[in-house]
Amino acid sequence: MKLALFDLDHTLIPFDSGLAWTQFLVALGVLPSRAHDEHLAVCRDHLAGARDVGAVVRASLAPVAACGRGELARWRFEFELAMRARLPAARLVLVRRHLAAGDTCAIVTATARSIAEPFARLFGVPHLIATENVLRDGVPSGEIDGVPCHGANKLVRVEQWLARERPDGAATLVAFAESSFYSDSASDLPLLQAVTRPVAVRPDARLQAHAAAHGWATMDAG
């Protein structure tokens, strides 16, 4: 029994999914053109340590928190169609190889669930562990429900998911003959260090150094 876990942004896809959602809404005319630059500024502040993940999630979802459920569903459907052409062929092959081998597969991402779900469907990954949001009338408010799926919390959320999958507690990371996690970011080191096969994908400088020092596998942009 094997487990394959995948980060989303800059790992399975070579871009930020939340920013892509904002760009999509700008193109539709739902958001003003300045929304892109404002979202990008929040992302840069987060990378610099000036803002937390919650700020990034709010930047992605708060602008459409007042829309109707049906309207949001239509936008998400159209967003999924638009993203299909942007999926890297090499990453599709990677995921399909794990699925064909019968591995238990999940995307583990800090991205809000409502934005990450279309990508999980496009890649055919049956399980999604993402940042959850407070819903109001079925529409995400932009506020986080619980803890964000980021940093050390990714490991916690994976363990919680496995416990739900097997309530008897038998399914933990150590129960798998092999567990892989693909990620680009050093913020994911807690989960990368917990699996038997960590893979650095287009890694940031800190993760690249750590991967080299520990002999971890690496993947290029693909």
C-alpha atoms as a PDB file:
ATOM      1  CA  MET A   1       0.000   0.000   0.000  1.00  0.00           C
ATOM      2  CA  LYS A   2       1.472   3.327  -1.110  1.00  0.00           C
ATOM      3  CA  LEU A   3       0.509   6.958  -0.548  1.00  0.00           C
ATOM      4  CA  ALA A   4       1.158   9.861  -2.930  1.00  0.00           C
ATOM      5  CA  LEU A   5       0.607  13.439  -1.751  1.00  0.00           C
ATOM      6  CA  PHE A   6       0.895  16.504  -3.976  1.00  0.00           C
ATOM      7  CA  ASP A   7       1.170  20.196  -3.216  1.00  0.00           C
ATOM      8  CA  LEU A   8      -0.770  22.271  -5.761  1.00  0.00           C
ATOM      9  CA  ASP A   9       0.656  25.741  -6.454  1.00  0.00           C
ATOM     10  CA  HIS A  10       4.047  25.708  -8.221  1.00  0.00           C
ATOM     11  CA  THR A  11       4.126  21.917  -7.892  1.00  0.00           C
ATOM     12  CA  LEU A  12       1.313  20.280  -9.853  1.00  0.00           C
ATOM     13  CA  ILE A  13       0.688  23.604 -11.576  1.00  0.00           C
ATOM     14  CA  PRO A  14       3.397  26.193 -12.400  1.00  0.00           C
ATOM     15  CA  PHE A  15       1.376  29.120 -11.056  1.00  0.00           C
ATOM     16  CA  ASP A  16      -0.619  30.327  -8.057  1.00  0.00           C
ATOM     17  CA  SER A  17      -4.183  29.032  -8.214  1.00  0.00           C
ATOM     18  CA  GLY A  18      -5.625  31.847  -6.106  1.00  0.00           C
ATOM     19  CA  LEU A  19      -4.045  34.463  -8.344  1.00  0.00           C
ATOM     20  CA  ALA A  20      -5.314  32.585 -11.410  1.00  0.00           C
ATOM     21  CA  TRP A  21      -8.833  32.735  -9.938  1.00  0.00           C
ATOM     22  CA  THR A  22      -8.508  36.488  -9.454  1.00  0.00           C
ATOM     23  CA  GLN A  23      -7.206  36.929 -13.005  1.00  0.00           C
ATOM     24  CA  PHE A  24     -10.124  34.884 -14.302  1.00  0.00           C
ATOM     25  CA  LEU A  25     -12.654  37.071 -12.475  1.00  0.00           C
ATOM     26  CA  VAL A  26     -10.938  40.230 -13.773  1.00  0.00           C
ATOM     27  CA  ALA A  27     -11.191  38.870 -17.326  1.00  0.00           C
ATOM     28  CA  LEU A  28     -14.903  38.220 -16.782  1.00  0.00           C
ATOM     29  CA  GLY A  29     -15.376  41.781 -15.584  1.00  0.00           C
ATOM     30  CA  VAL A  30     -16.484  40.587 -12.151  1.00  0.00           C
ATOM     31  CA  LEU A  31     -13.532  42.299 -10.471  1.00  0.00           C
ATOM     32  CA  PRO A  32     -11.752  45.540 -11.434  1.00  0.00           C
ATOM     33  CA  SER A  33      -8.360  45.285 -13.110  1.00  0.00           C
ATOM     34  CA  ARG A  34      -6.604  46.525  -9.980  1.00  0.00           C
ATOM     35  CA  ALA A  35      -7.687  43.320  -8.159  1.00  0.00           C
ATOM     36  CA  HIS A  36      -4.839  41.398  -9.791  1.00  0.00           C
ATOM     37  CA  ASP A  37      -2.133  43.754  -8.518  1.00  0.00           C
ATOM     38  CA  GLU A  38      -3.739  43.921  -5.072  1.00  0.00           C
ATOM     39  CA  HIS A  39      -3.808  40.141  -4.803  1.00  0.00           C
ATOM     40  CA  LEU A  40      -0.240  39.873  -6.057  1.00  0.00           C
ATOM     41  CA  ALA A  41       0.884  42.369  -3.405  1.00  0.00           C
ATOM     42  CA  VAL A  42      -0.700  40.225  -0.682  1.00  0.00           C
ATOM     43  CA  CYS A  43       1.080  37.137  -2.033  1.00  0.00           C
ATOM     44  CA  ARG A  44       4.421  38.947  -2.011  1.00  0.00           C
ATOM     45  CA  ASP A  45       3.826  40.171   1.541  1.00  0.00           C
ATOM     46  CA  HIS A  46       3.082  36.590   2.588  1.00  0.00           C
ATOM     47  CA  LEU A  47       6.293  35.274   1.042  1.00  0.00           C
ATOM     48  CA  ALA A  48       8.184  38.041   2.847  1.00  0.00           C
ATOM     49  CA  GLY A  49       6.602  37.009   6.142  1.00  0.00           C
ATOM     50  CA  ALA A  50       4.554  40.185   6.508  1.00  0.00           C
ATOM     51  CA  ARG A  51       1.139  38.480   6.138  1.00  0.00           C
ATOM     52  CA  ASP A  52      -0.233  35.083   7.075  1.00  0.00           C
ATOM     53  CA  VAL A  53      -2.003  32.519   4.908  1.00  0.00           C
ATOM     54  CA  GLY A  54      -5.354  33.878   6.032  1.00  0.00           C
ATOM     55  CA  ALA A  55      -4.640  37.146   4.242  1.00  0.00           C
ATOM     56  CA  VAL A  56      -3.934  35.286   0.997  1.00  0.00           C
ATOM     57  CA  VAL A  57      -7.143  33.271   1.314  1.00  0.00           C
ATOM     58  CA  ARG A  58      -9.166  36.417   1.988  1.00  0.00           C
ATOM     59  CA  ALA A  59      -7.623  38.090  -1.062  1.00  0.00           C
ATOM     60  CA  SER A  60      -8.819  35.138  -3.164  1.00  0.00           C
ATOM     61  CA  LEU A  61     -12.351  34.783  -1.832  1.00  0.00           C
ATOM     62  CA  ALA A  62     -13.541  37.917  -0.039  1.00  0.00           C
ATOM     63  CA  PRO A  63     -14.145  39.894  -3.282  1.00  0.00           C
ATOM     64  CA  VAL A  64     -16.904  37.445  -4.299  1.00  0.00           C
ATOM     65  CA  ALA A  65     -18.311  36.696  -0.841  1.00  0.00           C
ATOM     66  CA  ALA A  66     -21.475  38.664  -1.607  1.00  0.00           C
ATOM     67  CA  CYS A  67     -22.337  36.815  -4.824  1.00  0.00           C
ATOM     68  CA  GLY A  68     -25.068  34.201  -5.099  1.00  0.00           C
ATOM     69  CA  ARG A  69     -24.467  30.468  -4.827  1.00  0.00           C
ATOM     70  CA  GLY A  70     -25.585  29.812  -8.410  1.00  0.00           C
ATOM     71  CA  GLU A  71     -23.439  32.612  -9.772  1.00  0.00           C
ATOM     72  CA  LEU A  72     -20.376  31.299  -7.946  1.00  0.00           C
ATOM     73  CA  ALA A  73     -21.028  27.756  -9.197  1.00  0.00           C
ATOM     74  CA  ARG A  74     -21.141  29.028 -12.778  1.00  0.00           C
ATOM     75  CA  TRP A  75     -17.885  30.954 -12.385  1.00  0.00           C
ATOM     76  CA  ARG A  76     -16.161  27.940 -10.847  1.00  0.00           C
ATOM     77  CA  PHE A  77     -17.331  25.731 -13.727  1.00  0.00           C
ATOM     78  CA  GLU A  78     -16.019  28.205 -16.286  1.00  0.00           C
ATOM     79  CA  PHE A  79     -12.780  28.579 -14.291  1.00  0.00           C
ATOM     80  CA  GLU A  80     -12.267  24.809 -14.402  1.00  0.00           C
ATOM     81  CA  LEU A  81     -12.707  24.785 -18.162  1.00  0.00           C
ATOM     82  CA  ALA A  82     -10.212  27.646 -18.519  1.00  0.00           C
ATOM     83  CA  MET A  83      -7.609  25.908 -16.340  1.00  0.00           C
ATOM     84  CA  ARG A  84      -7.703  22.620 -18.242  1.00  0.00           C
ATOM     85  CA  ALA A  85      -5.361  23.941 -20.947  1.00  0.00           C
ATOM     86  CA  ARG A  86      -2.883  25.175 -18.335  1.00  0.00           C
ATOM     87  CA  LEU A  87      -2.155  21.798 -16.736  1.00  0.00           C
ATOM     88  CA  PRO A  88       1.422  20.645 -17.455  1.00  0.00           C
ATOM     89  CA  ALA A  89       1.455  17.360 -19.378  1.00  0.00           C
ATOM     90  CA  ALA A  90       4.334  16.023 -17.284  1.00  0.00           C
ATOM     91  CA  ARG A  91       2.379  16.541 -14.062  1.00  0.00           C
ATOM     92  CA  LEU A  92      -0.684  14.840 -15.497  1.00  0.00           C
ATOM     93  CA  VAL A  93       1.504  11.867 -16.379  1.00  0.00           C
ATOM     94  CA  LEU A  94       2.985  11.846 -12.870  1.00  0.00           C
ATOM     95  CA  VAL A  95      -0.411  11.777 -11.179  1.00  0.00           C
ATOM     96  CA  ARG A  96      -1.807   9.182 -13.570  1.00  0.00           C
ATOM     97  CA  ARG A  97       1.192   6.939 -12.933  1.00  0.00           C
ATOM     98  CA  HIS A  98       0.464   6.945  -9.210  1.00  0.00           C
ATOM     99  CA  LEU A  99      -3.244   6.385  -9.774  1.00  0.00           C
ATOM    100  CA  ALA A 100      -2.582   3.520 -12.209  1.00  0.00           C
ATOM    101  CA  ALA A 101      -0.328   1.886  -9.611  1.00  0.00           C
ATOM    102  CA  GLY A 102      -3.228   1.892  -7.163  1.00  0.00           C
ATOM    103  CA  ASP A 103      -1.632   4.421  -4.817  1.00  0.00           C
ATOM    104  CA  THR A 104      -3.830   6.416  -2.455  1.00  0.00           C
ATOM    105  CA  CYS A 105      -3.552   9.954  -3.842  1.00  0.00           C
ATOM    106  CA  ALA A 106      -4.365  13.343  -2.322  1.00  0.00           C
ATOM    107  CA  ILE A 107      -3.651  16.987  -3.027  1.00  0.00           C
ATOM    108  CA  VAL A 108      -2.509  18.800   0.121  1.00  0.00           C
ATOM    109  CA  THR A 109      -2.642  22.558  -0.323  1.00  0.00           C
ATOM    110  CA  ALA A 110      -2.940  25.844   1.527  1.00  0.00           C
ATOM    111  CA  THR A 111      -5.282  27.008  -1.224  1.00  0.00           C
ATOM    112  CA  ALA A 112      -8.935  27.428  -0.282  1.00  0.00           C
ATOM    113  CA  ARG A 113     -11.015  24.343  -1.046  1.00  0.00           C
ATOM    114  CA  SER A 114     -13.388  26.171  -3.393  1.00  0.00           C
ATOM    115  CA  ILE A 115     -10.455  27.167  -5.638  1.00  0.00           C
ATOM    116  CA  ALA A 116      -8.532  23.891  -5.316  1.00  0.00           C
ATOM    117  CA  GLU A 117     -11.470  21.578  -6.081  1.00  0.00           C
ATOM    118  CA  PRO A 118     -11.489  22.283  -9.837  1.00  0.00           C
ATOM    119  CA  PHE A 119      -7.813  21.314 -10.030  1.00  0.00           C
ATOM    120  CA  ALA A 120      -8.384  18.097  -8.071  1.00  0.00           C
ATOM    121  CA  ARG A 121     -11.064  17.140 -10.595  1.00  0.00           C
ATOM    122  CA  LEU A 122      -8.876  18.068 -13.566  1.00  0.00           C
ATOM    123  CA  PHE A 123      -6.002  15.935 -12.284  1.00  0.00           C
ATOM    124  CA  GLY A 124      -8.371  13.136 -11.288  1.00  0.00           C
ATOM    125  CA  VAL A 125      -7.094  13.109  -7.710  1.00  0.00           C
ATOM    126  CA  PRO A 126      -9.866  11.684  -5.495  1.00  0.00           C
ATOM    127  CA  HIS A 127      -8.844  13.295  -2.205  1.00  0.00           C
ATOM    128  CA  LEU A 128      -8.299  16.967  -1.415  1.00  0.00           C
ATOM    129  CA  ILE A 129      -6.891  18.333   1.832  1.00  0.00           C
ATOM    130  CA  ALA A 130      -7.159  22.107   1.652  1.00  0.00           C
ATOM    131  CA  THR A 131      -7.778  25.227   3.713  1.00  0.00           C
ATOM    132  CA  GLU A 132     -11.445  25.234   4.692  1.00  0.00           C
ATOM    133  CA  ASN A 133     -13.571  28.359   4.697  1.00  0.00           C
ATOM    134  CA  VAL A 134     -16.539  29.633   6.627  1.00  0.00           C
ATOM    135  CA  LEU A 135     -19.600  29.330   4.377  1.00  0.00           C
ATOM    136  CA  ARG A 136     -22.526  31.727   4.351  1.00  0.00           C
ATOM    137  CA  ASP A 137     -25.486  30.475   2.330  1.00  0.00           C
ATOM    138  CA  GLY A 138     -23.104  28.080   0.608  1.00  0.00           C
ATOM    139  CA  VAL A 139     -20.661  30.823  -0.412  1.00  0.00           C
ATOM    140  CA  PRO A 140     -17.166  31.098   1.145  1.00  0.00           C
ATOM    141  CA  SER A 141     -16.888  34.249   3.240  1.00  0.00           C
ATOM    142  CA  GLY A 142     -13.116  34.454   2.885  1.00  0.00           C
ATOM    143  CA  GLU A 143     -12.552  33.591   6.554  1.00  0.00           C
ATOM    144  CA  ILE A 144     -10.747  30.370   7.460  1.00  0.00           C
ATOM    145  CA  ASP A 145     -12.644  27.586   9.201  1.00  0.00           C
ATOM    146  CA  GLY A 146     -10.206  25.980  11.628  1.00  0.00           C
ATOM    147  CA  VAL A 147      -6.487  26.126  10.899  1.00  0.00           C
ATOM    148  CA  PRO A 148      -5.051  26.775   7.416  1.00  0.00           C
ATOM    149  CA  CYS A 149      -3.552  23.802   5.621  1.00  0.00           C
ATOM    150  CA  HIS A 150      -0.087  25.331   5.644  1.00  0.00           C
ATOM    151  CA  GLY A 151       3.325  24.604   7.128  1.00  0.00           C
ATOM    152  CA  ALA A 152       3.253  22.135  10.014  1.00  0.00           C
ATOM    153  CA  ASN A 153      -0.537  22.095   9.795  1.00  0.00           C
ATOM    154  CA  LYS A 154      -0.270  20.142   6.549  1.00  0.00           C
ATOM    155  CA  LEU A 155       1.135  17.178   8.453  1.00  0.00           C
ATOM    156  CA  VAL A 156      -1.587  17.523  11.094  1.00  0.00           C
ATOM    157  CA  ARG A 157      -4.314  17.694   8.460  1.00  0.00           C
ATOM    158  CA  VAL A 158      -2.938  14.629   6.632  1.00  0.00           C
ATOM    159  CA  GLU A 159      -2.897  12.651   9.869  1.00  0.00           C
ATOM    160  CA  GLN A 160      -6.473  13.739  10.627  1.00  0.00           C
ATOM    161  CA  TRP A 161      -7.568  12.735   7.129  1.00  0.00           C
ATOM    162  CA  LEU A 162      -5.956   9.312   7.470  1.00  0.00           C
ATOM    163  CA  ALA A 163      -7.646   8.827  10.827  1.00  0.00           C
ATOM    164  CA  ARG A 164     -11.016   9.553   9.203  1.00  0.00           C
ATOM    165  CA  GLU A 165     -10.251   7.194   6.337  1.00  0.00           C
ATOM    166  CA  ARG A 166      -9.489   4.420   8.821  1.00  0.00           C
ATOM    167  CA  PRO A 167     -11.234   5.125  12.144  1.00  0.00           C
ATOM    168  CA  ASP A 168      -9.423   2.166  13.728  1.00  0.00           C
ATOM    169  CA  GLY A 169      -6.257   4.248  13.499  1.00  0.00           C
ATOM    170  CA  ALA A 170      -4.384   1.714  11.363  1.00  0.00           C
ATOM    171  CA  ALA A 171      -3.897   4.111   8.471  1.00  0.00           C
ATOM    172  CA  THR A 172      -1.116   6.464   9.488  1.00  0.00           C
ATOM    173  CA  LEU A 173       1.864   7.554   7.430  1.00  0.00           C
ATOM    174  CA  VAL A 174       3.981   4.743   8.877  1.00  0.00           C
ATOM    175  CA  ALA A 175       1.363   2.209   7.798  1.00  0.00           C
ATOM    176  CA  PHE A 176       2.246   2.777   4.137  1.00  0.00           C
ATOM    177  CA  ALA A 177       5.040   0.789   2.514  1.00  0.00           C
ATOM    178  CA  GLU A 178       5.961   4.017   0.727  1.00  0.00           C
ATOM    179  CA  SER A 179       4.679   7.551   1.148  1.00  0.00           C
ATOM    180  CA  SER A 180       5.606  10.325  -1.293  1.00  0.00           C
ATOM    181  CA  PHE A 181       5.072  14.060  -1.060  1.00  0.00           C
ATOM    182  CA  TYR A 182       5.803  16.407  -3.950  1.00  0.00           C
ATOM    183  CA  SER A 183       6.323  20.078  -3.065  1.00  0.00           C
ATOM    184  CA  ASP A 184       8.149  23.217  -4.151  1.00  0.00           C
ATOM    185  CA  SER A 185       8.340  25.014  -0.809  1.00  0.00           C
ATOM    186  CA  ALA A 186      10.431  24.838   2.345  1.00  0.00           C
ATOM    187  CA  SER A 187       7.272  25.689   4.275  1.00  0.00           C
ATOM    188  CA  ASP A 188       6.266  22.070   3.590  1.00  0.00           C
ATOM    189  CA  LEU A 189       9.323  20.582   5.302  1.00  0.00           C
ATOM    190  CA  PRO A 190       7.325  19.084   8.227  1.00  0.00           C
ATOM    191  CA  LEU A 191       5.327  16.885   5.846  1.00  0.00           C
ATOM    192  CA  LEU A 192       8.262  16.287   3.505  1.00  0.00           C
ATOM    193  CA  GLN A 193      10.305  15.009   6.423  1.00  0.00           C
ATOM    194  CA  ALA A 194       7.489  12.738   7.590  1.00  0.00           C
ATOM    195  CA  VAL A 195       7.137  10.733   4.357  1.00  0.00           C
ATOM    196  CA  THR A 196       9.493   8.024   3.128  1.00  0.00           C
ATOM    197  CA  ARG A 197       9.981   9.627  -0.290  1.00  0.00           C
ATOM    198  CA  PRO A 198      10.110  13.436  -0.307  1.00  0.00           C
ATOM    199  CA  VAL A 199      10.384  15.022  -3.766  1.00  0.00           C
ATOM    200  CA  ALA A 200      11.356  18.665  -4.299  1.00  0.00           C
ATOM    201  CA  VAL A 201       9.601  20.080  -7.387  1.00  0.00           C
ATOM    202  CA  ARG A 202      10.949  23.342  -8.788  1.00  0.00           C
ATOM    203  CA  PRO A 203      12.128  24.007  -5.216  1.00  0.00           C
ATOM    204  CA  ASP A 204      12.684  27.393  -3.639  1.00  0.00           C
ATOM    205  CA  ALA A 205      16.252  28.132  -2.529  1.00  0.00           C
ATOM    206  CA  ARG A 206      15.830  26.843   1.020  1.00  0.00           C
ATOM    207  CA  LEU A 207      14.170  23.604  -0.042  1.00  0.00           C
ATOM    208  CA  GLN A 208      16.707  23.079  -2.813  1.00  0.00           C
ATOM    209  CA  ALA A 209      19.535  23.332  -0.279  1.00  0.00           C
ATOM    210  CA  HIS A 210      17.786  20.984   2.135  1.00  0.00           C
ATOM    211  CA  ALA A 211      17.034  18.461  -0.611  1.00  0.00           C
ATOM    212  CA  ALA A 212      20.660  18.488  -1.783  1.00  0.00           C
ATOM    213  CA  ALA A 213      21.980  18.069   1.746  1.00  0.00           C
ATOM    214  CA  HIS A 214      19.709  15.075   2.407  1.00  0.00           C
ATOM    215  CA  GLY A 215      19.852  13.418  -0.992  1.00  0.00           C
ATOM    216  CA  TRP A 216      16.179  13.964  -1.802  1.00  0.00           C
ATOM    217  CA  ALA A 217      14.839  13.493  -5.294  1.00  0.00           C
ATOM    218  CA  THR A 218      14.175  16.659  -7.286  1.00  0.00           C
ATOM    219  CA  MET A 219      12.083  17.438 -10.353  1.00  0.00           C
ATOM    220  CA  ASP A 220      12.414  20.315 -12.803  1.00  0.00           C
ATOM    221  CA  ALA A 221       9.627  22.472 -14.175  1.00  0.00           C
ATOM    222  CA  GLY A 222       8.430  19.706 -16.490  1.00  0.00           C
END
